[in-house]
């Protein structure tokens, strides 16, 4: 199948969501001074990370339904590049 511009945009969004989800989860662990249920439930970065990862997974499922795995899987590895850049500049 051929990818159009919307598919390409969804692929980029999927990889960015996965990388930003990893960043948010990392930041959420930095905010946990004590490991208590109240600290976990009030940690907004934890929720952001979960939502971003869920969004990336949902986009991945949609894209795999529309495109070949030979297109989606290699583009999914772009999230490693984004994670490297985010980690370098933001951590």
Protein backbone atom coordinates (compact mmCIF):
# COMPACT_ATOMS: atom_id res chain seq x y z
CA UNK A 1 0.00 0.00 0.00
CA UNK A 2 1.09 3.50 -0.66
CA UNK A 3 1.36 6.02 2.15
CA UNK A 4 -0.19 9.44 1.66
CA UNK A 5 0.61 12.65 3.54
CA UNK A 6 -1.88 11.92 6.34
CA UNK A 7 -0.32 8.50 6.92
CA UNK A 8 3.13 10.04 6.97
CA UNK A 9 1.99 12.66 9.50
CA UNK A 10 0.47 9.91 11.65
CA UNK A 11 3.75 7.98 11.49
CA UNK A 12 5.70 11.02 12.70
CA UNK A 13 3.11 11.69 15.42
CA UNK A 14 3.30 8.05 16.56
CA UNK A 15 7.07 8.24 16.99
CA UNK A 16 6.91 11.61 18.75
CA UNK A 17 4.19 10.41 21.13
CA UNK A 18 6.27 7.36 22.06
CA UNK A 19 9.36 9.48 22.73
CA UNK A 20 7.49 12.13 24.68
CA UNK A 21 5.79 9.35 26.66
CA UNK A 22 9.18 7.97 27.65
CA UNK A 23 10.33 11.45 28.63
CA UNK A 24 7.21 12.07 30.72
CA UNK A 25 7.60 8.73 32.52
CA UNK A 26 11.24 9.53 33.27
CA UNK A 27 10.27 12.94 34.65
CA UNK A 28 7.52 11.32 36.71
CA UNK A 29 10.09 9.17 38.51
CA UNK A 30 12.13 12.28 39.30
CA UNK A 31 9.10 13.77 41.04
CA UNK A 32 8.53 10.77 43.30
CA UNK A 33 10.30 11.71 46.51
CA UNK A 34 8.58 8.98 48.47
CA UNK A 35 6.99 5.87 47.07
CA UNK A 36 3.46 6.19 48.38
CA UNK A 37 0.08 5.69 46.79
CA UNK A 38 -0.79 9.37 47.22
CA UNK A 39 2.43 10.46 45.50
CA UNK A 40 1.75 8.15 42.57
CA UNK A 41 -1.90 9.16 42.17
CA UNK A 42 -1.05 12.88 42.18
CA UNK A 43 1.84 12.60 39.73
CA UNK A 44 0.63 14.39 36.57
CA UNK A 45 3.72 13.46 34.55
CA UNK A 46 2.90 9.80 35.12
CA UNK A 47 -0.54 10.32 33.61
CA UNK A 48 0.94 12.27 30.70
CA UNK A 49 3.40 9.47 29.96
CA UNK A 50 0.71 6.82 30.02
CA UNK A 51 -1.60 8.87 27.77
CA UNK A 52 1.21 9.57 25.29
CA UNK A 53 2.24 5.91 25.16
CA UNK A 54 -1.39 4.91 24.71
CA UNK A 55 -1.74 7.43 21.88
CA UNK A 56 1.38 6.06 20.19
CA UNK A 57 0.05 2.50 20.51
CA UNK A 58 -3.33 3.50 19.12
CA UNK A 59 -1.73 5.25 16.15
CA UNK A 60 0.47 2.20 15.61
CA UNK A 61 -2.58 -0.07 15.45
CA UNK A 62 -4.35 2.27 13.02
CA UNK A 63 -1.29 2.54 10.81
CA UNK A 64 -0.69 -1.20 10.78
CA UNK A 65 -4.26 -1.62 9.59
CA UNK A 66 -3.69 0.84 6.73
CA UNK A 67 -0.05 0.21 5.77
CA UNK A 68 2.34 -2.69 5.48
CA UNK A 69 4.40 -3.66 8.50
CA UNK A 70 7.49 -3.19 6.33
CA UNK A 71 6.68 0.54 6.30
CA UNK A 72 5.41 1.08 9.85
CA UNK A 73 8.05 -0.89 11.78
CA UNK A 74 11.12 0.85 10.32
CA UNK A 75 9.49 4.25 10.79
CA UNK A 76 8.70 3.28 14.39
CA UNK A 77 12.40 3.12 15.09
CA UNK A 78 12.50 6.88 14.52
CA UNK A 79 11.23 7.16 18.10
CA UNK A 80 14.73 6.16 19.23
CA UNK A 81 16.16 9.19 17.43
CA UNK A 82 13.58 11.50 19.03
CA UNK A 83 14.27 9.97 22.46
CA UNK A 84 17.99 10.55 22.01
CA UNK A 85 17.42 14.19 21.07
CA UNK A 86 14.93 14.82 23.89
CA UNK A 87 17.25 13.19 26.40
CA UNK A 88 20.19 15.25 25.22
CA UNK A 89 18.44 18.61 25.29
CA UNK A 90 15.89 18.21 28.10
CA UNK A 91 17.51 15.97 30.70
